[in-house]
Each structure stands twice: as structure tokens, then as C-alpha cells.
Amino acid sequence: MIFSPTIMGTVSSAPHFHGSPDIVLYHADCSDGFGAAWALWKKFPRANFVSVKHGQPPPPDLKDRRVVIVDFSYDRPILEAMASETKELLILDHHITAERTLKGFPNAYFDQAKSGAVLSWEWAHGTTAPWLLQYIQDKDLWTWALPGSREINAALASYPFDFTVWDRFTQASLEQEGRAILRYEQELVGKLTAQATMVEFQGVVVPSVQSAILTSQIGERLSPHHPFCLIWHDRDGRRYFSMRSRDDGEDVGTIAASFGGGGHTHAAGFSVPLQDDGTPPADPRLPRHLTPRRPIP
């Protein structure tokens, strides 16, 4: 069944931006972040596109450049410094923790009802976002309201973040490819969640899984019977913690913000630097494995 994109409102109240961006910074390792970049690439193909991560400084050479940041926000002091040295700066984001931190910041526009990809398309093109970005939004906001959405998003995750590759997608082919991929994905989630152990964190005992993939799917499987759950992995000298909670569960966005991270109310994350021996810092606030390690009940 082919989905026809729903007509959505355009971004009419975003801060004014003159001309075309020279540099677009977008959320790395994230389909919504890359979808936001693709949305701007379709309008501004000559811009320089740079993926960025939390816990890392902004790229150099932003002085006197026109910069747009999509699906991502730095801390307020960093953005204030950036605004003072760039020719123009605009942030298009939808994460509630960033919106709280940047309240009143004149260069930022937020809409929690939309994903970063859809928000970016509407800002750049002034038209309804195409089917691909609406499917990305369906997963990113975890609504799963569109037909064949899990299959399409599973297939999308099997492709590299490459603008020209994404330009060739069709809805029918992704849905067909995604059927087998989704079946395998669900099998992997079952195996990964079976390895979960219980940790003490934020005054409660919650399940924790080491995994660099399928974070939200693992969270969906583990969170219903706990205040929230943790999924973590190590990369590039840092330990990344992702948290997921059910609709009436813990506000994990607030927890993430207390560690310098962010996200949404029920899906958020943060990272900490690893020590030379590969272990996290001796911070009593970090998750602590129970001794002996307990599997999930």
C-alpha cells in the first residue's frame, strides 16, 4: 500500500535566514539527522554538510559563514559564541531538553510535534515533506502510524548515509526489502535483550544492555515493566548511554540533561569520557552493576 504524504504546516515563524547556508551541521549516526541533512541538500546542494555529535566541539572555520544546524543543538554558551562569530546562524530542532536550555535564544526554532527531517524540509522547501521523511518521522517520534512503517524503516537502516543513495529510494521497494530485514531485526532484539542485567541508577534498579544497534527497539522491548531502561556502548573514547521509558514512565530527558546530554521525555541519552584503561570515570552518579550481576526478572 503506497502512502500519500499528509499535508503539514510549513515553518513560517522560524527566525529569518538570508540567502543559502554555507555549512549545514546535522545529528550524526541518526536517520532523522541525516534525513534533515538530505532535506537541505535537495535545496542547497553546494553547502558543506558536516555530521556532529554531543560531547564533541563544533567544527572549526565557522567564522563569517552562514550556518544551519538541524536535528541538533549545542549547549547555550557554545551557540552564543557561535552566533557572535558566524555571519548567520539558525538552529532547527525538536528535542525538548534543548528547547528548555535555549529558551529565548533568537537563532533557534523548535517544534516537538515534528521530527528534525520533516522540520528541515518544511523550512527549506516550504512544502509538505515527501514520503521518505514522513516515514522517518513516524519512527523518530515512535508513533508507528503509517502503513508498512516498521518494514520501511528497517530497510532504510540497512543503507549508508549517502545523499545519492537516498535519492533513489522508492516506497514500494523499501517496504518489500524491509519484510525480511524486520524479521531478522526482531530476532536480534530478542537475543540482545536476553543479555540484559540489572543496574542501580538514579535511585532505581533498571535493566541495562550493551549494544550499539537497535537502541530504540531494545528500549521498546525492555521498558514496559520498568521505570526506564539503559542501552550503552563505547566508541571513540566515550561511553554512550541511551535511555528509553514507556509513555507513563520516567522523564529520561531530564536525567540525560543532568549529565550534559538531552533528547525527548521518553527517549534521551548522554555520554561520558572513558579513562585511559577504557573504564568510565569514577562518578557515583553513573549506573552501577549489582553484585552479583542480576539478569532481568
C-alpha atoms as a PDB file:
ATOM      1  CA  MET A   1       0.000   0.000   0.000  1.00  0.00           C
ATOM      2  CA  ILE A   2       1.533   3.310  -1.101  1.00  0.00           C
ATOM      3  CA  PHE A   3       1.310   6.094   1.453  1.00  0.00           C
ATOM      4  CA  SER A   4       0.423   9.596   0.257  1.00  0.00           C
ATOM      5  CA  PRO A   5       2.184  12.291   2.299  1.00  0.00           C
ATOM      6  CA  THR A   6      -0.034  14.164   4.718  1.00  0.00           C
ATOM      7  CA  ILE A   7      -0.251  17.907   4.172  1.00  0.00           C
ATOM      8  CA  MET A   8       1.522  19.643   7.039  1.00  0.00           C
ATOM      9  CA  GLY A   9       2.046  23.235   8.059  1.00  0.00           C
ATOM     10  CA  THR A  10       5.198  24.971   6.929  1.00  0.00           C
ATOM     11  CA  VAL A  11       7.759  26.581   9.200  1.00  0.00           C
ATOM     12  CA  SER A  12       6.568  30.180   8.980  1.00  0.00           C
ATOM     13  CA  SER A  13       7.723  31.531  12.339  1.00  0.00           C
ATOM     14  CA  ALA A  14      11.353  30.383  12.268  1.00  0.00           C
ATOM     15  CA  PRO A  15      13.997  33.111  12.584  1.00  0.00           C
ATOM     16  CA  HIS A  16      14.734  34.706   9.222  1.00  0.00           C
ATOM     17  CA  PHE A  17      17.783  33.407   7.366  1.00  0.00           C
ATOM     18  CA  HIS A  18      19.189  35.355   4.431  1.00  0.00           C
ATOM     19  CA  GLY A  19      20.460  33.507   1.397  1.00  0.00           C
ATOM     20  CA  SER A  20      21.817  29.961   1.317  1.00  0.00           C
ATOM     21  CA  PRO A  21      23.739  28.194   4.093  1.00  0.00           C
ATOM     22  CA  ASP A  22      27.458  27.671   3.596  1.00  0.00           C
ATOM     23  CA  ILE A  23      27.622  24.912   6.208  1.00  0.00           C
ATOM     24  CA  VAL A  24      24.959  22.523   7.494  1.00  0.00           C
ATOM     25  CA  LEU A  25      25.644  20.695  10.757  1.00  0.00           C
ATOM     26  CA  TYR A  26      23.445  17.671  11.377  1.00  0.00           C
ATOM     27  CA  HIS A  27      22.992  14.997  14.047  1.00  0.00           C
ATOM     28  CA  ALA A  28      25.406  12.136  13.324  1.00  0.00           C
ATOM     29  CA  ASP A  29      24.546   8.416  13.290  1.00  0.00           C
ATOM     30  CA  CYS A  30      20.818   9.140  13.159  1.00  0.00           C
ATOM     31  CA  SER A  31      18.349   8.622  10.322  1.00  0.00           C
ATOM     32  CA  ASP A  32      16.383  11.691  11.382  1.00  0.00           C
ATOM     33  CA  GLY A  33      19.552  13.775  11.474  1.00  0.00           C
ATOM     34  CA  PHE A  34      20.671  12.558   8.058  1.00  0.00           C
ATOM     35  CA  GLY A  35      17.137  12.959   6.743  1.00  0.00           C
ATOM     36  CA  ALA A  36      17.295  16.596   7.851  1.00  0.00           C
ATOM     37  CA  ALA A  37      20.611  16.973   6.031  1.00  0.00           C
ATOM     38  CA  TRP A  38      19.162  15.331   2.899  1.00  0.00           C
ATOM     39  CA  ALA A  39      16.234  17.758   3.041  1.00  0.00           C
ATOM     40  CA  LEU A  40      18.622  20.716   2.928  1.00  0.00           C
ATOM     41  CA  TRP A  41      20.899  19.055   0.347  1.00  0.00           C
ATOM     42  CA  LYS A  42      17.927  18.848  -2.018  1.00  0.00           C
ATOM     43  CA  LYS A  43      17.601  22.640  -1.762  1.00  0.00           C
ATOM     44  CA  PHE A  44      21.203  23.718  -1.137  1.00  0.00           C
ATOM     45  CA  PRO A  45      23.474  21.113  -2.803  1.00  0.00           C
ATOM     46  CA  ARG A  46      26.518  23.387  -2.720  1.00  0.00           C
ATOM     47  CA  ALA A  47      26.568  23.651   1.072  1.00  0.00           C
ATOM     48  CA  ASN A  48      29.166  21.764   3.104  1.00  0.00           C
ATOM     49  CA  PHE A  49      27.443  19.079   5.209  1.00  0.00           C
ATOM     50  CA  VAL A  50      29.117  18.027   8.471  1.00  0.00           C
ATOM     51  CA  SER A  51      27.828  15.419  10.940  1.00  0.00           C
ATOM     52  CA  VAL A  52      28.211  16.378  14.613  1.00  0.00           C
ATOM     53  CA  LYS A  53      27.919  14.586  17.955  1.00  0.00           C
ATOM     54  CA  HIS A  54      27.164  15.542  21.528  1.00  0.00           C
ATOM     55  CA  GLY A  55      30.242  15.765  23.716  1.00  0.00           C
ATOM     56  CA  GLN A  56      32.434  16.944  20.852  1.00  0.00           C
ATOM     57  CA  PRO A  57      33.286  20.562  19.999  1.00  0.00           C
ATOM     58  CA  PRO A  58      31.845  22.247  16.911  1.00  0.00           C
ATOM     59  CA  PRO A  59      33.904  22.049  13.728  1.00  0.00           C
ATOM     60  CA  PRO A  60      36.412  24.856  13.141  1.00  0.00           C
ATOM     61  CA  ASP A  61      36.216  27.550  10.489  1.00  0.00           C
ATOM     62  CA  LEU A  62      32.651  28.719  11.142  1.00  0.00           C
ATOM     63  CA  LYS A  63      33.683  32.362  11.372  1.00  0.00           C
ATOM     64  CA  ASP A  64      31.826  34.613   8.914  1.00  0.00           C
ATOM     65  CA  ARG A  65      29.923  31.635   7.473  1.00  0.00           C
ATOM     66  CA  ARG A  66      26.177  31.102   7.148  1.00  0.00           C
ATOM     67  CA  VAL A  67      25.463  28.070   9.342  1.00  0.00           C
ATOM     68  CA  VAL A  68      22.307  25.975   9.773  1.00  0.00           C
ATOM     69  CA  ILE A  69      22.161  23.259  12.458  1.00  0.00           C
ATOM     70  CA  VAL A  70      19.461  20.603  12.053  1.00  0.00           C
ATOM     71  CA  ASP A  71      18.138  17.991  14.496  1.00  0.00           C
ATOM     72  CA  PHE A  72      20.862  19.017  16.935  1.00  0.00           C
ATOM     73  CA  SER A  73      21.758  21.737  19.428  1.00  0.00           C
ATOM     74  CA  TYR A  74      24.925  22.573  21.311  1.00  0.00           C
ATOM     75  CA  ASP A  75      24.886  23.964  24.839  1.00  0.00           C
ATOM     76  CA  ARG A  76      23.790  27.568  25.060  1.00  0.00           C
ATOM     77  CA  PRO A  77      27.264  29.073  25.744  1.00  0.00           C
ATOM     78  CA  ILE A  78      28.648  27.344  22.646  1.00  0.00           C
ATOM     79  CA  LEU A  79      25.792  28.600  20.485  1.00  0.00           C
ATOM     80  CA  GLU A  80      26.080  32.122  21.872  1.00  0.00           C
ATOM     81  CA  ALA A  81      29.753  32.154  20.897  1.00  0.00           C
ATOM     82  CA  MET A  82      28.888  30.679  17.516  1.00  0.00           C
ATOM     83  CA  ALA A  83      26.212  33.326  16.908  1.00  0.00           C
ATOM     84  CA  SER A  84      28.735  36.078  17.580  1.00  0.00           C
ATOM     85  CA  GLU A  85      31.266  34.821  15.018  1.00  0.00           C
ATOM     86  CA  THR A  86      29.134  33.419  12.194  1.00  0.00           C
ATOM     87  CA  LYS A  87      27.576  35.591   9.513  1.00  0.00           C
ATOM     88  CA  GLU A  88      24.237  33.898  10.175  1.00  0.00           C
ATOM     89  CA  LEU A  89      23.142  31.064  12.452  1.00  0.00           C
ATOM     90  CA  LEU A  90      19.914  29.066  12.576  1.00  0.00           C
ATOM     91  CA  ILE A  91      19.046  26.008  14.681  1.00  0.00           C
ATOM     92  CA  LEU A  92      16.125  23.776  13.651  1.00  0.00           C
ATOM     93  CA  ASP A  93      15.473  21.192  16.353  1.00  0.00           C
ATOM     94  CA  HIS A  94      12.718  19.279  18.093  1.00  0.00           C
ATOM     95  CA  HIS A  95      14.324  17.921  21.272  1.00  0.00           C
ATOM     96  CA  ILE A  96      12.594  19.113  24.437  1.00  0.00           C
ATOM     97  CA  THR A  97      15.764  19.286  26.527  1.00  0.00           C
ATOM     98  CA  ALA A  98      17.407  21.613  24.008  1.00  0.00           C
ATOM     99  CA  GLU A  99      14.287  23.763  23.821  1.00  0.00           C
ATOM    100  CA  ARG A 100      14.367  24.235  27.584  1.00  0.00           C
ATOM    101  CA  THR A 101      18.056  25.121  27.555  1.00  0.00           C
ATOM    102  CA  LEU A 102      17.718  27.533  24.635  1.00  0.00           C
ATOM    103  CA  LYS A 103      14.511  29.265  25.719  1.00  0.00           C
ATOM    104  CA  GLY A 104      14.588  32.801  24.350  1.00  0.00           C
ATOM    105  CA  PHE A 105      17.615  32.157  22.116  1.00  0.00           C
ATOM    106  CA  PRO A 106      16.830  34.207  18.988  1.00  0.00           C
ATOM    107  CA  ASN A 107      18.524  31.895  16.473  1.00  0.00           C
ATOM    108  CA  ALA A 108      16.654  28.709  17.398  1.00  0.00           C
ATOM    109  CA  TYR A 109      13.331  27.254  16.252  1.00  0.00           C
ATOM    110  CA  PHE A 110      11.710  24.211  17.854  1.00  0.00           C
ATOM    111  CA  ASP A 111       8.690  22.061  17.066  1.00  0.00           C
ATOM    112  CA  GLN A 112       8.286  18.936  19.183  1.00  0.00           C
ATOM    113  CA  ALA A 113       5.400  17.721  17.029  1.00  0.00           C
ATOM    114  CA  LYS A 114       7.761  17.134  14.101  1.00  0.00           C
ATOM    115  CA  SER A 115      10.985  15.258  13.533  1.00  0.00           C
ATOM    116  CA  GLY A 116      14.147  17.077  12.562  1.00  0.00           C
ATOM    117  CA  ALA A 117      13.877  15.779   8.994  1.00  0.00           C
ATOM    118  CA  VAL A 118      10.320  16.998   8.411  1.00  0.00           C
ATOM    119  CA  LEU A 119      11.020  20.289  10.156  1.00  0.00           C
ATOM    120  CA  SER A 120      14.064  20.875   7.948  1.00  0.00           C
ATOM    121  CA  TRP A 121      12.215  20.051   4.732  1.00  0.00           C
ATOM    122  CA  GLU A 122       9.374  22.414   5.550  1.00  0.00           C
ATOM    123  CA  TRP A 123      11.827  25.200   6.383  1.00  0.00           C
ATOM    124  CA  ALA A 124      13.923  24.735   3.231  1.00  0.00           C
ATOM    125  CA  HIS A 125      11.195  23.985   0.698  1.00  0.00           C
ATOM    126  CA  GLY A 126       8.003  25.445   2.157  1.00  0.00           C
ATOM    127  CA  THR A 127       6.089  22.349   1.042  1.00  0.00           C
ATOM    128  CA  THR A 128       4.831  19.105   2.527  1.00  0.00           C
ATOM    129  CA  ALA A 129       7.655  16.705   3.367  1.00  0.00           C
ATOM    130  CA  PRO A 130       7.992  13.715   0.998  1.00  0.00           C
ATOM    131  CA  TRP A 131       7.002  10.200   2.000  1.00  0.00           C
ATOM    132  CA  LEU A 132      10.548   9.191   2.994  1.00  0.00           C
ATOM    133  CA  LEU A 133      10.871  11.905   5.625  1.00  0.00           C
ATOM    134  CA  GLN A 134       7.380  11.267   6.955  1.00  0.00           C
ATOM    135  CA  TYR A 135       8.321   7.627   7.486  1.00  0.00           C
ATOM    136  CA  ILE A 136      11.489   8.710   9.271  1.00  0.00           C
ATOM    137  CA  GLN A 137       9.364  10.957  11.466  1.00  0.00           C
ATOM    138  CA  ASP A 138       6.959   8.091  12.165  1.00  0.00           C
ATOM    139  CA  LYS A 139       9.821   6.122  13.702  1.00  0.00           C
ATOM    140  CA  ASP A 140      11.651   9.031  15.320  1.00  0.00           C
ATOM    141  CA  LEU A 141       8.536  10.168  17.197  1.00  0.00           C
ATOM    142  CA  TRP A 142       7.730   6.484  17.821  1.00  0.00           C
ATOM    143  CA  THR A 143       4.145   6.804  16.590  1.00  0.00           C
ATOM    144  CA  TRP A 144       4.236   3.971  14.027  1.00  0.00           C
ATOM    145  CA  ALA A 145       1.051   5.236  12.407  1.00  0.00           C
ATOM    146  CA  LEU A 146       1.972   4.826   8.733  1.00  0.00           C
ATOM    147  CA  PRO A 147       1.371   1.614   6.748  1.00  0.00           C
ATOM    148  CA  GLY A 148       4.456  -0.582   6.429  1.00  0.00           C
ATOM    149  CA  SER A 149       6.445   1.792   8.595  1.00  0.00           C
ATOM    150  CA  ARG A 150       8.460  -0.775  10.516  1.00  0.00           C
ATOM    151  CA  GLU A 151       9.420  -2.548   7.294  1.00  0.00           C
ATOM    152  CA  ILE A 152      10.425   0.682   5.533  1.00  0.00           C
ATOM    153  CA  ASN A 153      12.465   1.939   8.476  1.00  0.00           C
ATOM    154  CA  ALA A 154      14.174  -1.445   8.876  1.00  0.00           C
ATOM    155  CA  ALA A 155      15.188  -1.384   5.209  1.00  0.00           C
ATOM    156  CA  LEU A 156      16.332   2.228   5.432  1.00  0.00           C
ATOM    157  CA  ALA A 157      18.665   1.330   8.310  1.00  0.00           C
ATOM    158  CA  SER A 158      20.456  -1.166   6.050  1.00  0.00           C
ATOM    159  CA  TYR A 159      21.703   1.591   3.730  1.00  0.00           C
ATOM    160  CA  PRO A 160      24.585   4.044   4.203  1.00  0.00           C
ATOM    161  CA  PHE A 161      24.016   7.716   4.903  1.00  0.00           C
ATOM    162  CA  ASP A 162      24.628   8.807   1.315  1.00  0.00           C
ATOM    163  CA  PHE A 163      22.610  11.543  -0.403  1.00  0.00           C
ATOM    164  CA  THR A 164      22.683   9.968  -3.854  1.00  0.00           C
ATOM    165  CA  VAL A 165      21.674   6.567  -2.480  1.00  0.00           C
ATOM    166  CA  TRP A 166      18.738   8.090  -0.621  1.00  0.00           C
ATOM    167  CA  ASP A 167      17.666   9.884  -3.787  1.00  0.00           C
ATOM    168  CA  ARG A 168      16.935   6.531  -5.453  1.00  0.00           C
ATOM    169  CA  PHE A 169      14.624   5.030  -2.833  1.00  0.00           C
ATOM    170  CA  THR A 170      11.064   4.066  -3.664  1.00  0.00           C
ATOM    171  CA  GLN A 171       8.432   3.357  -1.070  1.00  0.00           C
ATOM    172  CA  ALA A 172       7.429   0.021  -2.584  1.00  0.00           C
ATOM    173  CA  SER A 173      10.982  -1.332  -2.830  1.00  0.00           C
ATOM    174  CA  LEU A 174      11.893  -0.339   0.730  1.00  0.00           C
ATOM    175  CA  GLU A 175       8.760  -1.964   2.116  1.00  0.00           C
ATOM    176  CA  GLN A 176       9.453  -5.180   0.210  1.00  0.00           C
ATOM    177  CA  GLU A 177      13.107  -5.283   1.297  1.00  0.00           C
ATOM    178  CA  GLY A 178      12.161  -4.488   4.855  1.00  0.00           C
ATOM    179  CA  ARG A 179       9.987  -7.543   5.470  1.00  0.00           C
ATOM    180  CA  ALA A 180      12.885  -9.966   5.836  1.00  0.00           C
ATOM    181  CA  ILE A 181      15.111  -7.353   7.469  1.00  0.00           C
ATOM    182  CA  LEU A 182      12.451  -6.636  10.095  1.00  0.00           C
ATOM    183  CA  ARG A 183      12.118 -10.337  10.894  1.00  0.00           C
ATOM    184  CA  TYR A 184      15.875 -10.579  11.457  1.00  0.00           C
ATOM    185  CA  GLU A 185      15.872  -7.319  13.421  1.00  0.00           C
ATOM    186  CA  GLN A 186      13.230  -8.678  15.793  1.00  0.00           C
ATOM    187  CA  GLU A 187      15.272 -11.842  16.299  1.00  0.00           C
ATOM    188  CA  LEU A 188      18.359  -9.757  17.136  1.00  0.00           C
ATOM    189  CA  VAL A 189      16.406  -7.647  19.604  1.00  0.00           C
ATOM    190  CA  GLY A 190      15.294 -10.801  21.383  1.00  0.00           C
ATOM    191  CA  LYS A 191      18.874 -12.055  21.674  1.00  0.00           C
ATOM    192  CA  LEU A 192      20.209  -8.703  22.863  1.00  0.00           C
ATOM    193  CA  THR A 193      17.509  -8.143  25.465  1.00  0.00           C
ATOM    194  CA  ALA A 194      18.141 -11.651  26.803  1.00  0.00           C
ATOM    195  CA  GLN A 195      21.627 -10.425  27.798  1.00  0.00           C
ATOM    196  CA  ALA A 196      20.281  -7.560  29.909  1.00  0.00           C
ATOM    197  CA  THR A 197      21.425  -7.203  33.502  1.00  0.00           C
ATOM    198  CA  MET A 198      20.042  -5.061  36.296  1.00  0.00           C
ATOM    199  CA  VAL A 199      21.853  -1.900  37.371  1.00  0.00           C
ATOM    200  CA  GLU A 200      21.231   0.723  40.007  1.00  0.00           C
ATOM    201  CA  PHE A 201      20.857   4.199  38.534  1.00  0.00           C
ATOM    202  CA  GLN A 202      19.041   7.326  39.660  1.00  0.00           C
ATOM    203  CA  GLY A 203      17.850   5.586  42.799  1.00  0.00           C
ATOM    204  CA  VAL A 204      16.083   2.740  40.993  1.00  0.00           C
ATOM    205  CA  VAL A 205      17.013  -0.673  39.615  1.00  0.00           C
ATOM    206  CA  VAL A 206      16.617  -0.874  35.831  1.00  0.00           C
ATOM    207  CA  PRO A 207      17.665  -3.228  33.001  1.00  0.00           C
ATOM    208  CA  SER A 208      20.823  -2.443  31.034  1.00  0.00           C
ATOM    209  CA  VAL A 209      22.038  -3.819  27.692  1.00  0.00           C
ATOM    210  CA  GLN A 210      25.338  -3.287  25.913  1.00  0.00           C
ATOM    211  CA  SER A 211      24.532  -2.611  22.263  1.00  0.00           C
ATOM    212  CA  ALA A 212      25.454  -0.073  19.604  1.00  0.00           C
ATOM    213  CA  ILE A 213      22.492  -1.036  17.400  1.00  0.00           C
ATOM    214  CA  LEU A 214      18.699  -1.210  17.573  1.00  0.00           C
ATOM    215  CA  THR A 215      18.643   1.081  20.581  1.00  0.00           C
ATOM    216  CA  SER A 216      15.014   2.141  20.417  1.00  0.00           C
ATOM    217  CA  GLN A 217      13.804  -1.356  19.567  1.00  0.00           C
ATOM    218  CA  ILE A 218      15.627  -2.761  22.607  1.00  0.00           C
ATOM    219  CA  GLY A 219      14.145   0.013  24.702  1.00  0.00           C
ATOM    220  CA  GLU A 220      10.676  -0.774  23.425  1.00  0.00           C
ATOM    221  CA  ARG A 221      11.111  -4.408  24.488  1.00  0.00           C
ATOM    222  CA  LEU A 222      12.540  -3.673  27.972  1.00  0.00           C
ATOM    223  CA  SER A 223      10.807  -0.521  29.159  1.00  0.00           C
ATOM    224  CA  PRO A 224       7.180  -1.672  29.722  1.00  0.00           C
ATOM    225  CA  HIS A 225       7.891  -3.333  33.077  1.00  0.00           C
ATOM    226  CA  HIS A 226      10.456  -0.877  34.444  1.00  0.00           C
ATOM    227  CA  PRO A 227      10.691   2.878  35.108  1.00  0.00           C
ATOM    228  CA  PHE A 228      13.120   3.039  32.170  1.00  0.00           C
ATOM    229  CA  CYS A 229      15.972   1.043  30.641  1.00  0.00           C
ATOM    230  CA  LEU A 230      19.567   1.688  29.580  1.00  0.00           C
ATOM    231  CA  ILE A 231      21.364   0.774  26.366  1.00  0.00           C
ATOM    232  CA  TRP A 232      25.055   1.613  26.216  1.00  0.00           C
ATOM    233  CA  HIS A 233      28.192   1.191  24.129  1.00  0.00           C
ATOM    234  CA  ASP A 234      31.741   2.541  23.884  1.00  0.00           C
ATOM    235  CA  ARG A 235      33.010   4.447  20.853  1.00  0.00           C
ATOM    236  CA  ASP A 236      35.788   6.940  20.146  1.00  0.00           C
ATOM    237  CA  GLY A 237      36.917   7.169  23.752  1.00  0.00           C
ATOM    238  CA  ARG A 238      33.458   7.774  25.208  1.00  0.00           C
ATOM    239  CA  ARG A 239      30.678   5.685  26.749  1.00  0.00           C
ATOM    240  CA  TYR A 240      27.285   6.467  25.283  1.00  0.00           C
ATOM    241  CA  PHE A 241      24.166   5.841  27.359  1.00  0.00           C
ATOM    242  CA  SER A 242      20.710   5.787  25.773  1.00  0.00           C
ATOM    243  CA  MET A 243      17.582   5.643  27.902  1.00  0.00           C
ATOM    244  CA  ARG A 244      14.048   4.680  26.964  1.00  0.00           C
ATOM    245  CA  SER A 245      10.842   4.711  29.004  1.00  0.00           C
ATOM    246  CA  ARG A 246       7.196   3.937  28.353  1.00  0.00           C
ATOM    247  CA  ASP A 247       4.632   6.711  27.874  1.00  0.00           C
ATOM    248  CA  ASP A 248       3.873   6.911  31.600  1.00  0.00           C
ATOM    249  CA  GLY A 249       7.446   6.144  32.649  1.00  0.00           C
ATOM    250  CA  GLU A 250      10.387   8.201  33.842  1.00  0.00           C
ATOM    251  CA  ASP A 251      11.351  11.539  32.300  1.00  0.00           C
ATOM    252  CA  VAL A 252      14.681  10.350  30.917  1.00  0.00           C
ATOM    253  CA  GLY A 253      15.248  13.641  29.124  1.00  0.00           C
ATOM    254  CA  THR A 254      15.753  15.347  32.475  1.00  0.00           C
ATOM    255  CA  ILE A 255      18.180  12.618  33.559  1.00  0.00           C
ATOM    256  CA  ALA A 256      20.170  12.996  30.337  1.00  0.00           C
ATOM    257  CA  ALA A 257      20.286  16.777  30.711  1.00  0.00           C
ATOM    258  CA  SER A 258      21.818  16.420  34.188  1.00  0.00           C
ATOM    259  CA  PHE A 259      24.797  14.691  32.508  1.00  0.00           C
ATOM    260  CA  GLY A 260      25.065  17.240  29.707  1.00  0.00           C
ATOM    261  CA  GLY A 261      23.027  15.187  27.238  1.00  0.00           C
ATOM    262  CA  GLY A 262      19.476  15.549  26.024  1.00  0.00           C
ATOM    263  CA  GLY A 263      16.651  14.268  23.892  1.00  0.00           C
ATOM    264  CA  HIS A 264      12.965  13.697  24.490  1.00  0.00           C
ATOM    265  CA  THR A 265      10.900  12.917  27.581  1.00  0.00           C
ATOM    266  CA  HIS A 266      10.917   9.161  26.932  1.00  0.00           C
ATOM    267  CA  ALA A 267      13.989   8.783  24.685  1.00  0.00           C
ATOM    268  CA  ALA A 268      17.239  10.517  25.560  1.00  0.00           C
ATOM    269  CA  GLY A 269      20.956   9.975  26.013  1.00  0.00           C
ATOM    270  CA  PHE A 270      24.274  11.260  27.237  1.00  0.00           C
ATOM    271  CA  SER A 271      27.939  10.298  27.099  1.00  0.00           C
ATOM    272  CA  VAL A 272      30.965  10.406  29.370  1.00  0.00           C
ATOM    273  CA  PRO A 273      34.683  10.244  28.502  1.00  0.00           C
ATOM    274  CA  LEU A 274      36.465   6.960  29.149  1.00  0.00           C
ATOM    275  CA  GLN A 275      39.663   6.805  31.159  1.00  0.00           C
ATOM    276  CA  ASP A 276      42.954   5.559  29.718  1.00  0.00           C
ATOM    277  CA  ASP A 277      42.142   1.999  30.799  1.00  0.00           C
ATOM    278  CA  GLY A 278      38.824   2.077  28.954  1.00  0.00           C
ATOM    279  CA  THR A 279      36.645   2.366  32.047  1.00  0.00           C
ATOM    280  CA  PRO A 280      34.177   5.186  32.738  1.00  0.00           C
ATOM    281  CA  PRO A 281      35.062   7.867  35.296  1.00  0.00           C
ATOM    282  CA  ALA A 282      34.575   7.127  38.989  1.00  0.00           C
ATOM    283  CA  ASP A 283      31.329   9.050  39.188  1.00  0.00           C
ATOM    284  CA  PRO A 284      28.873   7.691  41.777  1.00  0.00           C
ATOM    285  CA  ARG A 285      26.002   9.072  39.705  1.00  0.00           C
ATOM    286  CA  LEU A 286      26.693   6.657  36.840  1.00  0.00           C
ATOM    287  CA  PRO A 287      24.945   3.268  36.542  1.00  0.00           C
ATOM    288  CA  ARG A 288      26.279   0.636  38.929  1.00  0.00           C
ATOM    289  CA  HIS A 289      26.002  -3.086  38.233  1.00  0.00           C
ATOM    290  CA  LEU A 290      24.510  -5.044  41.078  1.00  0.00           C
ATOM    291  CA  THR A 291      26.830  -7.602  42.677  1.00  0.00           C
ATOM    292  CA  PRO A 292      26.453 -10.367  41.746  1.00  0.00           C
ATOM    293  CA  ARG A 293      25.145  -9.233  38.377  1.00  0.00           C
ATOM    294  CA  ARG A 294      21.466  -9.971  38.160  1.00  0.00           C
ATOM    295  CA  PRO A 295      19.664 -10.779  34.930  1.00  0.00           C
ATOM    296  CA  ILE A 296      16.373  -9.039  34.341  1.00  0.00           C
ATOM    297  CA  PRO A 297      13.446 -10.605  36.186  1.00  0.00           C
END
